[in-house]
Structure formats: structure tokens, C-alpha cells
Amino acid sequence: MNTPKQNKFQPVFLYRDHEKIQSVNKQSKDWIQGIQEGLNTAKDLFEHPITDVEGSQIINGGWPVVSQMIKSKSQFPKAEPEFLLSLIGKNSESFKSSSLHMEARSKSINAVVENGVVFVDPESEAKSIKEYSYFTTSEKQNQAVKLGNEIANLIEQAIELGILTQSQRQGTANALSNLFEIKTVDEKPCISLVLRKINNI
């Protein structure tokens, strides 16, 4: 006997936390400046330009990577990096002081190097948007969204027809403040479902 096919649950988009996304993006930009400074000081330790691949390795690996590169690029690969730097009148102090948090922050925001410039991988930015975008998690929430929007539309229709007054719109929103609010759309007030509150259902 064939059993009825159940409809697969389809999440409904609720809202995107733009403030959180902007905060994360601002932090990433602040970190990028420090990471770039660390990379620039690392470049000064070498007599010849480094590649973008090497730059990416440096910002994600810190001093262990830099020290290994110094040795591998010298004629004395078994010598200590500090000794090799002293031969060309340089030392690692400036790099170490400017790269205290470089490695951890680079990995956290998935920083990459292109043409010598550090930036956040676009995939990381997309991940941030996805992380702070919220959807329904149950059929009950889907029904709540549908019913809430229908209620809001019915109230607006009732006001247009004169069945309800403007003050009653506000009164309804106040009485059902756990789900509704007054918004301004096209310079006109209207009652609207607060999609953030759906997460609590």
C-alpha cells in the first residue's frame, strides 16, 4: 500500500543581522591593516621580493615561516636566521613586534595576499553573511510567518475600509508586541510582523 508522500520542510528566510555583519566586516578591515603591516615588515627582512604565495604563508605562519624562508633563501641554510639577518644589517625585532596577532587573525578572517596586498577572501565575507542570516527551523514557524503576515494584511485592509482606526492599529501592535510592530512604508505607517520574534516560537 502506498503511503502519502509528506511535504519536505522548506526553511523560510526571516532576517539578516546587518549590524552584526557590519561589525564583523569592520573588525576584519581593522585586522587587515595590522596584518599588512606585519607582512610589510617581513618583506624588509629579504633582499629580494617575495611572492604572493610566500606572503600568504607568512601571514598565516608568522615567525616560524619567515625564519625558515630566511634560511632557505641564504647560502647557509643551516645557520640561525638571526645570524643570517645580522650579516645584512637587519634583525627580526620589528617583524615580531608588528606581527603579534597576525597569524591568528589571518586564519580567523581567511586573509590572502594578492599583488602584495592583504585582503579578506570573498568566500569569507559570504560566509559571514550566511552565518548571520536566519531562517525558520520548523513547519510551526512557517505557519506563524504565513498567519502573521495574513493578520497584518487584514488589519491594514480593515483600516482602509474604515472598519478599524489608525489608533486601533497602534493598539493592536501594542497588545501583540511579541509579534507585531509599526513600520513606515512609503511614508505611511503600517502594522508588520516582527520576523526576529519568530525564532522564539
N, C-alpha and C. Protein backbone atom coordinates (compact mmCIF):
# COMPACT_ATOMS: atom_id res chain seq x y z
N MET A 1 0.84 -1.18 0.00
CA MET A 1 0.00 0.00 0.00
C MET A 1 0.89 1.25 0.00
N ASN A 2 0.58 2.19 -0.88
CA ASN A 2 1.37 3.42 -0.96
C ASN A 2 1.01 4.36 0.18
N THR A 3 2.03 4.87 0.85
CA THR A 3 1.80 5.83 1.94
C THR A 3 1.83 7.24 1.37
N PRO A 4 1.03 8.15 1.94
CA PRO A 4 1.02 9.53 1.44
C PRO A 4 2.41 10.16 1.54
N LYS A 5 2.80 10.85 0.51
CA LYS A 5 4.10 11.49 0.49
C LYS A 5 4.06 12.76 1.33
N GLN A 6 4.95 12.85 2.32
CA GLN A 6 4.99 14.02 3.16
C GLN A 6 5.78 15.14 2.49
N ASN A 7 5.26 16.38 2.64
CA ASN A 7 5.96 17.52 2.07
C ASN A 7 7.24 17.79 2.86
N LYS A 8 8.33 18.00 2.14
CA LYS A 8 9.60 18.27 2.79
C LYS A 8 9.62 19.69 3.32
N PHE A 9 10.10 19.85 4.55
CA PHE A 9 10.15 21.17 5.18
C PHE A 9 11.06 22.10 4.39
N GLN A 10 10.56 23.29 4.08
CA GLN A 10 11.32 24.30 3.36
C GLN A 10 11.52 25.52 4.25
N PRO A 11 12.75 25.79 4.68
CA PRO A 11 13.00 26.96 5.53
C PRO A 11 12.61 28.26 4.82
N VAL A 12 12.07 29.19 5.57
CA VAL A 12 11.69 30.50 5.06
C VAL A 12 12.64 31.55 5.62
N PHE A 13 13.15 32.41 4.76
CA PHE A 13 14.06 33.46 5.21
C PHE A 13 13.33 34.41 6.16
N LEU A 14 13.97 34.71 7.30
CA LEU A 14 13.39 35.62 8.27
C LEU A 14 14.04 36.99 8.21
N TYR A 15 15.32 37.05 8.50
CA TYR A 15 16.01 38.34 8.51
C TYR A 15 17.51 38.14 8.48
N ARG A 16 18.21 39.22 8.24
CA ARG A 16 19.68 39.22 8.23
C ARG A 16 20.15 40.27 9.24
N ASP A 17 21.06 39.86 10.10
CA ASP A 17 21.57 40.76 11.14
C ASP A 17 22.65 41.66 10.55
N HIS A 18 22.22 42.76 9.93
CA HIS A 18 23.16 43.64 9.23
C HIS A 18 24.13 44.30 10.19
N GLU A 19 23.67 44.62 11.39
CA GLU A 19 24.56 45.26 12.36
C GLU A 19 25.73 44.33 12.72
N LYS A 20 25.43 43.06 12.92
CA LYS A 20 26.47 42.09 13.24
C LYS A 20 27.43 41.91 12.07
N ILE A 21 26.88 41.84 10.87
CA ILE A 21 27.71 41.68 9.67
C ILE A 21 28.63 42.88 9.50
N GLN A 22 28.09 44.09 9.70
CA GLN A 22 28.90 45.30 9.59
C GLN A 22 30.00 45.32 10.65
N SER A 23 29.66 44.84 11.86
CA SER A 23 30.64 44.79 12.94
C SER A 23 31.78 43.83 12.59
N VAL A 24 31.42 42.67 12.05
CA VAL A 24 32.43 41.69 11.65
C VAL A 24 33.30 42.24 10.53
N ASN A 25 32.66 42.91 9.55
CA ASN A 25 33.42 43.48 8.43
C ASN A 25 34.37 44.58 8.90
N LYS A 26 33.90 45.40 9.84
CA LYS A 26 34.76 46.47 10.37
C LYS A 26 35.96 45.88 11.10
N GLN A 27 35.70 44.84 11.90
CA GLN A 27 36.80 44.20 12.60
C GLN A 27 37.80 43.61 11.62
N SER A 28 37.29 43.00 10.56
CA SER A 28 38.18 42.40 9.55
C SER A 28 39.05 43.47 8.91
N LYS A 29 38.47 44.64 8.59
CA LYS A 29 39.24 45.71 7.97
C LYS A 29 40.31 46.23 8.92
N ASP A 30 39.94 46.34 10.21
CA ASP A 30 40.93 46.78 11.20
C ASP A 30 42.08 45.77 11.29
N TRP A 31 41.74 44.50 11.29
CA TRP A 31 42.76 43.46 11.37
C TRP A 31 43.64 43.44 10.13
N ILE A 32 43.03 43.68 8.96
CA ILE A 32 43.78 43.67 7.70
C ILE A 32 44.92 44.67 7.75
N GLN A 33 44.67 45.84 8.33
CA GLN A 33 45.72 46.86 8.42
C GLN A 33 46.93 46.35 9.21
N GLY A 34 46.65 45.68 10.33
CA GLY A 34 47.73 45.14 11.15
C GLY A 34 48.47 44.00 10.45
N ILE A 35 47.70 43.17 9.75
CA ILE A 35 48.30 42.05 9.02
C ILE A 35 49.19 42.58 7.89
N GLN A 36 48.72 43.63 7.21
CA GLN A 36 49.51 44.23 6.14
C GLN A 36 50.81 44.80 6.68
N GLU A 37 50.73 45.43 7.84
CA GLU A 37 51.93 45.99 8.47
C GLU A 37 52.93 44.88 8.79
N GLY A 38 52.41 43.75 9.30
CA GLY A 38 53.28 42.62 9.60
C GLY A 38 53.95 42.08 8.35
N LEU A 39 53.17 41.98 7.27
CA LEU A 39 53.72 41.48 6.01
C LEU A 39 54.78 42.44 5.47
N ASN A 40 54.51 43.74 5.56
CA ASN A 40 55.48 44.73 5.05
C ASN A 40 56.81 44.64 5.79
N THR A 41 56.74 44.46 7.10
CA THR A 41 57.99 44.35 7.87
C THR A 41 58.72 43.05 7.54
N ALA A 42 57.94 42.02 7.21
CA ALA A 42 58.56 40.74 6.82
C ALA A 42 59.30 40.91 5.49
N LYS A 43 58.70 41.66 4.57
CA LYS A 43 59.34 41.89 3.27
C LYS A 43 60.69 42.57 3.44
N ASP A 44 60.79 43.45 4.44
CA ASP A 44 62.04 44.19 4.66
C ASP A 44 63.19 43.29 5.11
N LEU A 45 62.85 42.08 5.53
CA LEU A 45 63.89 41.16 6.00
C LEU A 45 64.59 40.43 4.86
N PHE A 46 64.02 40.56 3.65
CA PHE A 46 64.58 39.84 2.50
C PHE A 46 65.20 40.82 1.51
N GLU A 47 66.25 40.38 0.87
CA GLU A 47 66.93 41.22 -0.10
C GLU A 47 66.20 41.24 -1.44
N HIS A 48 65.38 40.24 -1.69
CA HIS A 48 64.64 40.17 -2.95
C HIS A 48 63.14 40.07 -2.66
N PRO A 49 62.31 40.51 -3.61
CA PRO A 49 60.85 40.47 -3.39
C PRO A 49 60.36 39.05 -3.12
N ILE A 50 59.31 38.96 -2.31
CA ILE A 50 58.69 37.66 -2.06
C ILE A 50 57.43 37.54 -2.91
N THR A 51 57.03 36.32 -3.19
CA THR A 51 55.84 36.09 -4.00
C THR A 51 54.58 36.19 -3.14
N ASP A 52 53.43 36.25 -3.81
CA ASP A 52 52.16 36.29 -3.08
C ASP A 52 51.94 34.99 -2.31
N VAL A 53 52.38 33.90 -2.88
CA VAL A 53 52.25 32.61 -2.18
C VAL A 53 53.04 32.64 -0.89
N GLU A 54 54.27 33.16 -0.98
CA GLU A 54 55.10 33.27 0.22
C GLU A 54 54.48 34.26 1.21
N GLY A 55 53.90 35.34 0.69
CA GLY A 55 53.25 36.31 1.55
C GLY A 55 52.09 35.69 2.32
N SER A 56 51.30 34.88 1.64
CA SER A 56 50.17 34.20 2.29
C SER A 56 50.68 33.23 3.35
N GLN A 57 51.78 32.57 3.05
CA GLN A 57 52.36 31.65 4.03
C GLN A 57 52.85 32.41 5.26
N ILE A 58 53.40 33.58 5.05
CA ILE A 58 53.92 34.38 6.15
C ILE A 58 52.79 34.86 7.07
N ILE A 59 51.74 35.42 6.49
CA ILE A 59 50.67 35.97 7.34
C ILE A 59 49.92 34.88 8.09
N ASN A 60 49.99 33.67 7.58
CA ASN A 60 49.31 32.56 8.25
C ASN A 60 50.24 31.72 9.13
N GLY A 61 51.55 31.94 8.97
CA GLY A 61 52.50 31.12 9.72
C GLY A 61 53.40 31.89 10.67
N GLY A 62 53.48 33.22 10.49
CA GLY A 62 54.27 34.02 11.40
C GLY A 62 55.77 33.77 11.32
N TRP A 63 56.44 33.99 12.45
CA TRP A 63 57.90 33.91 12.51
C TRP A 63 58.45 32.54 12.10
N PRO A 64 57.85 31.41 12.48
CA PRO A 64 58.40 30.12 12.05
C PRO A 64 58.54 30.02 10.53
N VAL A 65 57.56 30.55 9.81
CA VAL A 65 57.62 30.52 8.35
C VAL A 65 58.69 31.48 7.85
N VAL A 66 58.72 32.68 8.41
CA VAL A 66 59.71 33.68 7.99
C VAL A 66 61.12 33.17 8.23
N SER A 67 61.37 32.61 9.40
CA SER A 67 62.71 32.13 9.73
C SER A 67 63.15 31.02 8.79
N GLN A 68 62.20 30.15 8.44
CA GLN A 68 62.53 29.06 7.52
C GLN A 68 62.84 29.60 6.12
N MET A 69 62.09 30.64 5.70
CA MET A 69 62.33 31.25 4.40
C MET A 69 63.69 31.94 4.36
N ILE A 70 64.05 32.60 5.46
CA ILE A 70 65.35 33.27 5.54
C ILE A 70 66.47 32.25 5.34
N LYS A 71 66.36 31.12 6.00
CA LYS A 71 67.38 30.07 5.90
C LYS A 71 67.43 29.47 4.49
N SER A 72 66.24 29.20 3.94
CA SER A 72 66.20 28.54 2.62
C SER A 72 66.69 29.44 1.50
N LYS A 73 66.57 30.78 1.68
CA LYS A 73 66.98 31.72 0.65
C LYS A 73 68.46 32.14 0.79
N SER A 74 69.12 31.67 1.86
CA SER A 74 70.51 32.07 2.08
C SER A 74 71.48 30.99 1.56
N GLN A 75 72.75 31.35 1.58
CA GLN A 75 73.78 30.38 1.18
C GLN A 75 74.16 29.48 2.34
N PHE A 76 73.60 29.77 3.50
CA PHE A 76 73.92 28.99 4.69
C PHE A 76 72.62 28.52 5.35
N PRO A 77 71.93 27.57 4.74
CA PRO A 77 70.61 27.15 5.20
C PRO A 77 70.58 26.53 6.60
N LYS A 78 71.74 26.16 7.13
CA LYS A 78 71.78 25.56 8.46
C LYS A 78 72.07 26.59 9.56
N ALA A 79 72.34 27.81 9.14
CA ALA A 79 72.65 28.86 10.12
C ALA A 79 71.37 29.39 10.76
N GLU A 80 71.53 30.01 11.92
CA GLU A 80 70.39 30.59 12.61
C GLU A 80 69.90 31.83 11.85
N PRO A 81 68.59 32.01 11.75
CA PRO A 81 68.05 33.15 10.98
C PRO A 81 68.52 34.50 11.52
N GLU A 82 68.64 34.63 12.84
CA GLU A 82 69.09 35.90 13.40
C GLU A 82 70.52 36.22 12.94
N PHE A 83 71.36 35.20 12.87
CA PHE A 83 72.73 35.39 12.39
C PHE A 83 72.73 35.80 10.93
N LEU A 84 71.89 35.14 10.12
CA LEU A 84 71.81 35.47 8.70
C LEU A 84 71.32 36.89 8.49
N LEU A 85 70.37 37.33 9.31
CA LEU A 85 69.88 38.71 9.22
C LEU A 85 70.97 39.70 9.61
N SER A 86 71.77 39.36 10.60
CA SER A 86 72.83 40.25 11.05
C SER A 86 73.88 40.47 9.97
N LEU A 87 74.03 39.50 9.09
CA LEU A 87 75.02 39.63 8.01
C LEU A 87 74.62 40.73 7.02
N ILE A 88 73.32 41.02 6.96
CA ILE A 88 72.86 42.07 6.03
C ILE A 88 72.36 43.29 6.81
N GLY A 89 72.75 43.36 8.09
CA GLY A 89 72.43 44.54 8.90
C GLY A 89 70.97 44.64 9.32
N LYS A 90 70.33 43.49 9.49
CA LYS A 90 68.92 43.50 9.87
C LYS A 90 68.69 42.59 11.07
N ASN A 91 67.49 42.74 11.67
CA ASN A 91 67.09 41.82 12.75
C ASN A 91 65.58 41.63 12.70
N SER A 92 65.09 40.69 13.48
CA SER A 92 63.68 40.29 13.40
C SER A 92 62.77 41.04 14.37
N GLU A 93 63.32 41.93 15.18
CA GLU A 93 62.53 42.55 16.24
C GLU A 93 61.32 43.32 15.70
N SER A 94 61.52 44.09 14.64
CA SER A 94 60.41 44.88 14.10
C SER A 94 59.28 43.99 13.60
N PHE A 95 59.65 42.87 12.95
CA PHE A 95 58.63 41.95 12.46
C PHE A 95 57.89 41.30 13.62
N LYS A 96 58.62 40.83 14.61
CA LYS A 96 58.00 40.14 15.74
C LYS A 96 57.04 41.06 16.50
N SER A 97 57.40 42.33 16.64
CA SER A 97 56.54 43.26 17.38
C SER A 97 55.31 43.67 16.58
N SER A 98 55.42 43.67 15.25
CA SER A 98 54.29 44.09 14.41
C SER A 98 53.40 42.92 14.00
N SER A 99 53.78 41.72 14.39
CA SER A 99 53.01 40.55 13.94
C SER A 99 52.54 39.69 15.12
N LEU A 100 52.30 40.34 16.27
CA LEU A 100 51.93 39.59 17.47
C LEU A 100 50.66 38.76 17.27
N HIS A 101 49.67 39.36 16.62
CA HIS A 101 48.38 38.66 16.42
C HIS A 101 48.13 38.31 14.95
N MET A 102 49.13 38.51 14.13
CA MET A 102 48.95 38.35 12.69
C MET A 102 48.47 36.96 12.29
N GLU A 103 49.14 35.95 12.79
CA GLU A 103 48.83 34.58 12.37
C GLU A 103 47.39 34.19 12.73
N ALA A 104 47.00 34.42 14.00
CA ALA A 104 45.66 34.03 14.45
C ALA A 104 44.58 34.81 13.71
N ARG A 105 44.80 36.11 13.51
CA ARG A 105 43.80 36.94 12.84
C ARG A 105 43.70 36.61 11.36
N SER A 106 44.82 36.32 10.74
CA SER A 106 44.80 35.94 9.31
C SER A 106 43.97 34.69 9.09
N LYS A 107 44.17 33.72 9.98
CA LYS A 107 43.42 32.48 9.86
C LYS A 107 41.94 32.70 10.17
N SER A 108 41.67 33.58 11.13
CA SER A 108 40.29 33.83 11.55
C SER A 108 39.46 34.44 10.43
N ILE A 109 40.05 35.38 9.67
CA ILE A 109 39.29 36.06 8.61
C ILE A 109 39.65 35.52 7.23
N ASN A 110 40.47 34.46 7.21
CA ASN A 110 40.86 33.84 5.94
C ASN A 110 41.51 34.86 5.00
N ALA A 111 42.51 35.59 5.53
CA ALA A 111 43.20 36.61 4.74
C ALA A 111 44.08 35.98 3.67
N VAL A 112 44.17 36.67 2.54
CA VAL A 112 45.02 36.20 1.43
C VAL A 112 45.83 37.39 0.91
N VAL A 113 46.86 37.09 0.14
CA VAL A 113 47.72 38.13 -0.43
C VAL A 113 47.64 38.10 -1.95
N GLU A 114 47.43 39.27 -2.54
CA GLU A 114 47.40 39.37 -3.99
C GLU A 114 48.10 40.66 -4.40
N ASN A 115 49.11 40.53 -5.25
CA ASN A 115 49.93 41.68 -5.66
C ASN A 115 50.51 42.41 -4.45
N GLY A 116 50.86 41.62 -3.45
CA GLY A 116 51.48 42.19 -2.27
C GLY A 116 50.54 42.83 -1.28
N VAL A 117 49.24 42.81 -1.57
CA VAL A 117 48.24 43.45 -0.72
C VAL A 117 47.41 42.40 -0.01
N VAL A 118 47.18 42.60 1.28
CA VAL A 118 46.38 41.66 2.08
C VAL A 118 44.91 42.05 2.01
N PHE A 119 44.04 41.08 1.81
CA PHE A 119 42.61 41.35 1.84
C PHE A 119 41.87 40.10 2.32
N VAL A 120 40.60 40.27 2.63
CA VAL A 120 39.77 39.17 3.11
C VAL A 120 39.25 38.39 1.91
N ASP A 121 39.40 37.10 1.96
CA ASP A 121 38.89 36.24 0.90
C ASP A 121 37.38 36.47 0.76
N PRO A 122 36.86 36.75 -0.46
CA PRO A 122 35.42 36.97 -0.66
C PRO A 122 34.56 35.83 -0.11
N GLU A 123 35.09 34.62 -0.14
CA GLU A 123 34.33 33.49 0.40
C GLU A 123 34.12 33.65 1.90
N SER A 124 35.07 34.29 2.57
CA SER A 124 34.94 34.52 4.00
C SER A 124 33.84 35.54 4.27
N GLU A 125 33.75 36.57 3.42
CA GLU A 125 32.71 37.58 3.57
C GLU A 125 31.33 36.94 3.33
N ALA A 126 31.25 36.07 2.33
CA ALA A 126 29.99 35.39 2.04
C ALA A 126 29.59 34.48 3.21
N LYS A 127 30.59 33.88 3.84
CA LYS A 127 30.35 33.02 4.99
C LYS A 127 29.76 33.82 6.14
N SER A 128 30.26 35.04 6.31
CA SER A 128 29.76 35.91 7.38
C SER A 128 28.30 36.27 7.14
N ILE A 129 27.95 36.57 5.90
CA ILE A 129 26.56 36.89 5.57
C ILE A 129 25.67 35.69 5.83
N LYS A 130 26.13 34.52 5.44
CA LYS A 130 25.36 33.30 5.65
C LYS A 130 25.19 33.01 7.14
N GLU A 131 26.26 33.23 7.92
CA GLU A 131 26.23 32.92 9.35
C GLU A 131 25.20 33.76 10.09
N TYR A 132 25.02 35.01 9.64
CA TYR A 132 24.10 35.91 10.34
C TYR A 132 22.81 36.14 9.56
N SER A 133 22.44 35.17 8.74
CA SER A 133 21.13 35.16 8.08
C SER A 133 20.29 34.08 8.74
N TYR A 134 19.06 34.41 9.07
CA TYR A 134 18.24 33.49 9.86
C TYR A 134 17.01 33.03 9.10
N PHE A 135 16.69 31.75 9.27
CA PHE A 135 15.57 31.12 8.58
C PHE A 135 14.71 30.37 9.60
N THR A 136 13.51 30.07 9.20
CA THR A 136 12.66 29.25 10.07
C THR A 136 13.29 27.87 10.21
N THR A 137 12.99 27.23 11.33
CA THR A 137 13.57 25.91 11.60
C THR A 137 12.51 24.83 11.78
N SER A 138 11.25 25.20 11.60
CA SER A 138 10.18 24.22 11.77
C SER A 138 8.96 24.62 10.95
N GLU A 139 8.10 23.66 10.71
CA GLU A 139 6.86 23.94 9.99
C GLU A 139 5.97 24.87 10.79
N LYS A 140 6.05 24.75 12.13
CA LYS A 140 5.27 25.63 13.00
C LYS A 140 5.66 27.08 12.79
N GLN A 141 6.95 27.34 12.65
CA GLN A 141 7.41 28.70 12.39
C GLN A 141 6.97 29.18 11.01
N ASN A 142 6.98 28.29 10.04
CA ASN A 142 6.50 28.65 8.70
C ASN A 142 5.03 29.09 8.76
N GLN A 143 4.23 28.34 9.51
CA GLN A 143 2.81 28.67 9.66
C GLN A 143 2.65 30.00 10.39
N ALA A 144 3.51 30.25 11.36
CA ALA A 144 3.44 31.50 12.11
C ALA A 144 3.73 32.70 11.21
N VAL A 145 4.72 32.55 10.32
CA VAL A 145 5.04 33.62 9.38
C VAL A 145 3.85 33.88 8.46
N LYS A 146 3.30 32.82 7.91
CA LYS A 146 2.17 32.95 7.00
C LYS A 146 0.98 33.60 7.69
N LEU A 147 0.63 33.09 8.88
CA LEU A 147 -0.53 33.61 9.61
C LEU A 147 -0.29 35.05 10.05
N GLY A 148 0.94 35.34 10.53
CA GLY A 148 1.25 36.70 10.98
C GLY A 148 1.13 37.71 9.86
N ASN A 149 1.63 37.37 8.67
CA ASN A 149 1.51 38.28 7.52
C ASN A 149 0.06 38.46 7.10
N GLU A 150 -0.72 37.38 7.18
CA GLU A 150 -2.13 37.48 6.83
C GLU A 150 -2.87 38.39 7.80
N ILE A 151 -2.58 38.27 9.10
CA ILE A 151 -3.20 39.12 10.10
C ILE A 151 -2.86 40.59 9.85
N ALA A 152 -1.58 40.85 9.59
CA ALA A 152 -1.15 42.22 9.34
C ALA A 152 -1.85 42.80 8.12
N ASN A 153 -1.96 42.00 7.06
CA ASN A 153 -2.65 42.46 5.85
C ASN A 153 -4.13 42.73 6.10
N LEU A 154 -4.76 41.86 6.88
CA LEU A 154 -6.19 42.04 7.19
C LEU A 154 -6.42 43.32 8.00
N ILE A 155 -5.52 43.59 8.94
CA ILE A 155 -5.65 44.81 9.73
C ILE A 155 -5.53 46.05 8.84
N GLU A 156 -4.54 46.03 7.92
CA GLU A 156 -4.38 47.18 7.02
C GLU A 156 -5.59 47.33 6.10
N GLN A 157 -6.14 46.23 5.63
CA GLN A 157 -7.34 46.29 4.79
C GLN A 157 -8.52 46.85 5.58
N ALA A 158 -8.63 46.44 6.84
CA ALA A 158 -9.74 46.92 7.69
C ALA A 158 -9.61 48.41 7.92
N ILE A 159 -8.39 48.93 8.05
CA ILE A 159 -8.19 50.37 8.23
C ILE A 159 -8.56 51.13 6.96
N GLU A 160 -8.17 50.57 5.81
CA GLU A 160 -8.51 51.21 4.53
C GLU A 160 -10.02 51.29 4.33
N LEU A 161 -10.74 50.27 4.81
CA LEU A 161 -12.20 50.23 4.66
C LEU A 161 -12.92 51.00 5.76
N GLY A 162 -12.16 51.49 6.73
CA GLY A 162 -12.78 52.24 7.81
C GLY A 162 -13.35 51.38 8.92
N ILE A 163 -13.08 50.10 8.88
CA ILE A 163 -13.56 49.19 9.92
C ILE A 163 -12.76 49.39 11.21
N LEU A 164 -11.46 49.64 11.05
CA LEU A 164 -10.59 49.94 12.17
C LEU A 164 -10.00 51.34 11.99
N THR A 165 -9.60 51.95 13.09
CA THR A 165 -9.00 53.28 13.03
C THR A 165 -7.48 53.18 13.11
N GLN A 166 -6.82 54.31 12.82
CA GLN A 166 -5.36 54.36 12.92
C GLN A 166 -4.90 54.03 14.33
N SER A 167 -5.62 54.55 15.34
CA SER A 167 -5.23 54.30 16.73
C SER A 167 -5.39 52.83 17.09
N GLN A 168 -6.36 52.18 16.47
CA GLN A 168 -6.56 50.75 16.75
C GLN A 168 -5.42 49.91 16.16
N ARG A 169 -4.82 50.41 15.09
CA ARG A 169 -3.63 49.74 14.55
C ARG A 169 -2.52 49.74 15.59
N GLN A 170 -2.29 50.92 16.16
CA GLN A 170 -1.26 51.03 17.18
C GLN A 170 -1.61 50.19 18.40
N GLY A 171 -2.89 50.21 18.78
CA GLY A 171 -3.33 49.42 19.93
C GLY A 171 -3.13 47.94 19.71
N THR A 172 -3.38 47.49 18.48
CA THR A 172 -3.19 46.07 18.16
C THR A 172 -1.71 45.69 18.23
N ALA A 173 -0.87 46.58 17.70
CA ALA A 173 0.58 46.32 17.74
C ALA A 173 1.08 46.29 19.17
N ASN A 174 0.53 47.18 20.02
CA ASN A 174 0.94 47.20 21.42
C ASN A 174 0.49 45.94 22.15
N ALA A 175 -0.73 45.51 21.86
CA ALA A 175 -1.28 44.33 22.53
C ALA A 175 -0.57 43.06 22.10
N LEU A 176 -0.09 43.07 20.85
CA LEU A 176 0.60 41.87 20.31
C LEU A 176 2.07 42.21 20.02
N SER A 177 2.69 42.95 20.94
CA SER A 177 4.06 43.42 20.71
C SER A 177 5.07 42.29 20.63
N ASN A 178 4.68 41.09 21.05
CA ASN A 178 5.59 39.95 20.94
C ASN A 178 5.74 39.49 19.49
N LEU A 179 4.85 39.99 18.61
CA LEU A 179 4.93 39.56 17.21
C LEU A 179 4.80 40.70 16.20
N PHE A 180 4.21 41.83 16.61
CA PHE A 180 3.95 42.90 15.63
C PHE A 180 4.58 44.23 16.06
N GLU A 181 4.82 45.07 15.06
CA GLU A 181 5.33 46.41 15.28
C GLU A 181 4.78 47.33 14.21
N ILE A 182 4.93 48.64 14.43
CA ILE A 182 4.52 49.61 13.43
C ILE A 182 5.74 50.04 12.63
N LYS A 183 5.64 49.93 11.32
CA LYS A 183 6.71 50.35 10.43
C LYS A 183 6.21 51.45 9.50
N THR A 184 7.14 52.18 8.93
CA THR A 184 6.78 53.20 7.95
C THR A 184 7.18 52.70 6.56
N VAL A 185 6.19 52.55 5.69
CA VAL A 185 6.42 52.09 4.33
C VAL A 185 5.83 53.13 3.39
N ASP A 186 6.68 53.65 2.48
CA ASP A 186 6.24 54.72 1.56
C ASP A 186 5.64 55.88 2.34
N GLU A 187 6.31 56.23 3.45
CA GLU A 187 5.93 57.36 4.30
C GLU A 187 4.58 57.17 4.98
N LYS A 188 4.10 55.94 5.03
CA LYS A 188 2.84 55.64 5.69
C LYS A 188 3.06 54.57 6.76
N PRO A 189 2.42 54.72 7.93
CA PRO A 189 2.56 53.69 8.97
C PRO A 189 1.77 52.44 8.61
N CYS A 190 2.30 51.30 8.98
CA CYS A 190 1.56 50.05 8.77
C CYS A 190 2.02 49.04 9.82
N ILE A 191 1.14 48.11 10.14
CA ILE A 191 1.49 47.07 11.09
C ILE A 191 2.26 45.97 10.36
N SER A 192 3.29 45.45 11.01
CA SER A 192 4.14 44.47 10.34
C SER A 192 4.57 43.39 11.32
N LEU A 193 4.71 42.18 10.80
CA LEU A 193 5.19 41.06 11.59
C LEU A 193 6.67 41.23 11.89
N VAL A 194 7.06 41.06 13.16
CA VAL A 194 8.47 41.14 13.54
C VAL A 194 9.09 39.76 13.33
N LEU A 195 9.79 39.60 12.22
CA LEU A 195 10.31 38.28 11.86
C LEU A 195 11.36 37.76 12.84
N ARG A 196 12.04 38.67 13.54
CA ARG A 196 13.02 38.24 14.53
C ARG A 196 12.36 37.42 15.64
N LYS A 197 11.11 37.78 15.94
CA LYS A 197 10.43 37.14 17.06
C LYS A 197 10.01 35.70 16.73
N ILE A 198 10.00 35.36 15.45
CA ILE A 198 9.59 34.01 15.03
C ILE A 198 10.53 32.97 15.61
N ASN A 199 11.79 33.35 15.82
CA ASN A 199 12.76 32.40 16.38
C ASN A 199 12.35 31.89 17.75
N ASN A 200 11.50 32.66 18.44
CA ASN A 200 11.10 32.29 19.80
C ASN A 200 9.90 31.33 19.82
N ILE A 201 9.35 31.05 18.64
CA ILE A 201 8.17 30.18 18.58
C ILE A 201 8.59 28.73 18.47
